[in-house]
Amino acid sequence: MAADTSTLATALDQLVDLMGGVDDENAVRPTPCAGWTVGDLVDHVVAGVGNFARGVRGQEVDWSAPTPRVEGDRAQAMRAASDDLLAAWADAPEDSDAPPPEWQCAELAVHTWDLARGLGRDTAGLEPAVAEKGAAFMEQGLTDDNRGEAFGPARPAPEGADAYTRLAAFAGREV
């Protein structure tokens, strides 16, 4: 059976929509990612989605390579990267050893929260299944011992927090 990418497609669509609100003026705003502006985060996410597609195709990915700047329409760049990732999954063999779509949902859901915060937008209206799937994946493997530099210690989420905020807190974001 092929990988279920329906939740991943929703995650990608939501990021395209958010990136539609990024212009040169708000691209310089800070995000919850230390030292990253909204523009830096967009660049990271678009490049990451491209790397995910290469990984699904079995190509070598250099995650340490410098992140290229997105030139022009950010939402359009995200849409192109998203379509490429979904096409890679559609063509992937059933026995693919690529990281699963759930891993990609986790990464994208955390950065959706980051981007929404950087833009001053709320995440309550986003599809909770994306963050829930990402959280289920992260909770299986992310421990205090393997958080590295990307994730701080898990933090408590506020009472009544939406799925994205709970995931961000688990990922170590100050919520």
Protein backbone atom coordinates (compact mmCIF):
# COMPACT_ATOMS: atom_id res chain seq x y z
CA MET A 1 0.00 0.00 0.00
CA ALA A 2 1.32 3.45 -0.93
CA ALA A 3 1.99 6.00 1.80
CA ASP A 4 -1.03 8.03 2.88
CA THR A 5 -0.15 11.60 2.01
CA SER A 6 -3.55 13.24 2.53
CA THR A 7 -2.55 14.88 5.82
CA LEU A 8 0.79 15.87 4.32
CA ALA A 9 -1.05 17.52 1.42
CA THR A 10 -3.13 19.50 3.92
CA ALA A 11 0.03 20.56 5.77
CA LEU A 12 1.56 21.77 2.52
CA ASP A 13 -1.61 23.62 1.45
CA GLN A 14 -1.75 25.44 4.78
CA LEU A 15 1.84 26.58 4.40
CA VAL A 16 1.19 27.79 0.86
CA ASP A 17 -1.72 29.84 2.23
CA LEU A 18 0.38 31.28 5.06
CA MET A 19 3.21 32.13 2.68
CA GLY A 20 0.73 34.02 0.52
CA GLY A 21 0.72 36.57 3.34
CA VAL A 22 4.49 37.04 3.35
CA ASP A 23 5.77 40.14 1.62
CA ASP A 24 9.08 41.99 1.74
CA GLU A 25 7.81 44.17 4.59
CA ASN A 26 6.86 41.37 6.99
CA ALA A 27 9.63 39.01 5.83
CA VAL A 28 11.97 40.80 8.25
CA ARG A 29 9.78 40.10 11.29
CA PRO A 30 11.21 37.73 13.93
CA THR A 31 9.90 34.19 14.44
CA PRO A 32 10.03 31.83 17.43
CA CYS A 33 13.06 30.21 15.72
CA ALA A 34 16.00 31.94 17.38
CA GLY A 35 17.72 34.29 14.97
CA TRP A 36 15.34 33.59 12.07
CA THR A 37 13.12 36.09 10.36
CA VAL A 38 9.90 35.19 8.58
CA GLY A 39 11.88 35.27 5.31
CA ASP A 40 14.53 32.93 6.71
CA LEU A 41 11.83 30.53 7.86
CA VAL A 42 10.16 30.58 4.44
CA ASP A 43 13.51 29.83 2.80
CA HIS A 44 14.10 26.95 5.24
CA VAL A 45 10.67 25.40 4.72
CA VAL A 46 10.73 25.65 0.91
CA ALA A 47 14.25 24.16 0.79
CA GLY A 48 13.26 21.47 3.30
CA VAL A 49 10.27 20.40 1.22
CA GLY A 50 12.59 20.13 -1.79
CA ASN A 51 14.97 18.01 0.29
CA PHE A 52 12.08 15.81 1.41
CA ALA A 53 11.19 15.19 -2.26
CA ARG A 54 14.78 14.25 -3.09
CA GLY A 55 14.85 11.92 -0.09
CA VAL A 56 11.62 10.22 -1.11
CA ARG A 57 13.17 9.65 -4.55
CA GLY A 58 16.17 8.01 -2.89
CA GLN A 59 18.53 10.83 -3.82
CA GLU A 60 21.24 11.98 -1.47
CA VAL A 61 20.31 15.04 0.58
CA ASP A 62 22.83 17.38 2.18
CA TRP A 63 20.85 18.82 5.07
CA SER A 64 23.83 20.99 6.03
CA ALA A 65 23.99 22.79 2.67
CA PRO A 66 23.33 26.53 2.77
CA THR A 67 19.65 27.40 2.40
CA PRO A 68 18.92 29.21 -0.85
CA ARG A 69 16.79 32.36 -0.76
CA VAL A 70 13.33 32.15 -2.25
CA GLU A 71 13.16 34.70 -5.02
CA GLY A 72 9.84 36.12 -6.17
CA ASP A 73 6.45 34.81 -5.07
CA ARG A 74 6.98 32.81 -1.88
CA ALA A 75 3.61 31.03 -2.01
CA GLN A 76 4.27 30.01 -5.62
CA ALA A 77 7.70 28.63 -4.66
CA MET A 78 6.09 26.68 -1.83
CA ARG A 79 3.37 25.37 -4.15
CA ALA A 80 5.99 24.14 -6.65
CA ALA A 81 8.01 22.42 -3.90
CA SER A 82 4.82 20.94 -2.43
CA ASP A 83 3.65 19.57 -5.77
CA ASP A 84 7.08 18.04 -6.32
CA LEU A 85 7.02 16.33 -2.91
CA LEU A 86 3.54 14.91 -3.48
CA ALA A 87 4.59 13.70 -6.95
CA ALA A 88 7.64 12.02 -5.42
CA TRP A 89 5.38 10.20 -2.95
CA ALA A 90 2.98 9.21 -5.74
CA ASP A 91 5.88 7.64 -7.65
CA ALA A 92 7.57 6.07 -4.61
CA PRO A 93 7.69 2.30 -4.48
CA GLU A 94 5.63 0.69 -1.75
CA ASP A 95 8.78 -0.56 -0.05
CA SER A 96 10.39 2.89 0.01
CA ASP A 97 12.70 3.47 2.94
CA ALA A 98 12.17 7.24 2.80
CA PRO A 99 11.27 8.97 6.05
CA PRO A 100 7.49 8.64 6.36
CA PRO A 101 5.02 11.44 5.61
CA GLU A 102 4.35 11.65 9.36
CA TRP A 103 7.92 12.87 9.90
CA GLN A 104 7.35 15.53 7.27
CA CYS A 105 4.02 16.49 8.90
CA ALA A 106 5.83 16.96 12.21
CA GLU A 107 8.44 19.28 10.69
CA LEU A 108 5.86 21.22 8.70
CA ALA A 109 3.38 21.55 11.58
CA VAL A 110 6.01 22.98 13.92
CA HIS A 111 7.09 25.47 11.26
CA THR A 112 3.46 26.31 10.49
CA TRP A 113 3.15 27.41 14.10
CA ASP A 114 6.43 29.32 13.84
CA LEU A 115 5.35 31.09 10.65
CA ALA A 116 1.89 31.90 11.96
CA ARG A 117 3.43 33.43 15.08
CA GLY A 118 5.94 35.39 13.02
CA LEU A 119 3.07 36.78 10.94
CA GLY A 120 0.96 37.51 14.01
CA ARG A 121 -1.66 34.94 12.97
CA ASP A 122 -3.55 32.42 15.03
CA THR A 123 -3.31 28.66 14.43
CA ALA A 124 -6.70 27.76 15.92
CA GLY A 125 -8.33 27.71 12.47
CA LEU A 126 -5.79 25.32 10.93
CA GLU A 127 -6.49 21.62 10.40
CA PRO A 128 -5.64 19.97 13.75
CA ALA A 129 -5.03 16.55 12.14
CA VAL A 130 -1.72 17.84 10.74
CA ALA A 131 -0.35 18.83 14.14
CA GLU A 132 -1.84 15.73 15.78
CA LYS A 133 -0.16 13.42 13.26
CA GLY A 134 3.10 15.31 13.63
CA ALA A 135 2.87 15.16 17.42
CA ALA A 136 2.18 11.42 17.41
CA PHE A 137 5.29 10.89 15.31
CA MET A 138 7.51 13.19 17.37
CA GLU A 139 6.36 11.76 20.69
CA GLN A 140 7.46 8.28 19.56
CA GLY A 141 11.07 9.25 19.02
CA LEU A 142 11.96 12.66 20.39
CA THR A 143 13.40 12.34 23.89
CA ASP A 144 15.33 14.59 26.22
CA ASP A 145 18.50 12.80 25.09
CA ASN A 146 18.13 13.32 21.31
CA ARG A 147 16.64 16.80 20.94
CA GLY A 148 19.90 18.27 19.61
CA GLU A 149 20.01 21.95 18.67
CA ALA A 150 16.73 21.93 16.75
CA PHE A 151 14.50 21.27 19.74
CA GLY A 152 14.59 22.70 23.22
CA PRO A 153 13.25 20.87 26.24
CA ALA A 154 9.52 20.14 26.10
CA ARG A 155 7.47 22.90 27.69
CA PRO A 156 3.97 22.87 29.09
CA ALA A 157 1.23 24.07 26.76
CA PRO A 158 -1.36 26.48 28.10
CA GLU A 159 -4.72 25.08 29.17
CA GLY A 160 -7.00 24.74 26.14
CA ALA A 161 -4.16 25.22 23.62
CA ASP A 162 -4.82 24.12 20.04
CA ALA A 163 -2.97 21.16 18.50
CA TYR A 164 -0.30 23.37 16.87
CA THR A 165 0.49 25.17 20.11
CA ARG A 166 0.70 21.86 22.00
CA LEU A 167 3.09 20.52 19.34
CA ALA A 168 5.18 23.68 19.46
CA ALA A 169 5.45 23.36 23.24
CA PHE A 170 6.52 19.73 22.92
CA ALA A 171 9.13 20.82 20.36
CA GLY A 172 10.53 23.25 22.93
CA ARG A 173 9.05 26.48 21.66
CA GLU A 174 8.17 29.21 24.13
CA VAL A 175 4.39 29.28 23.80
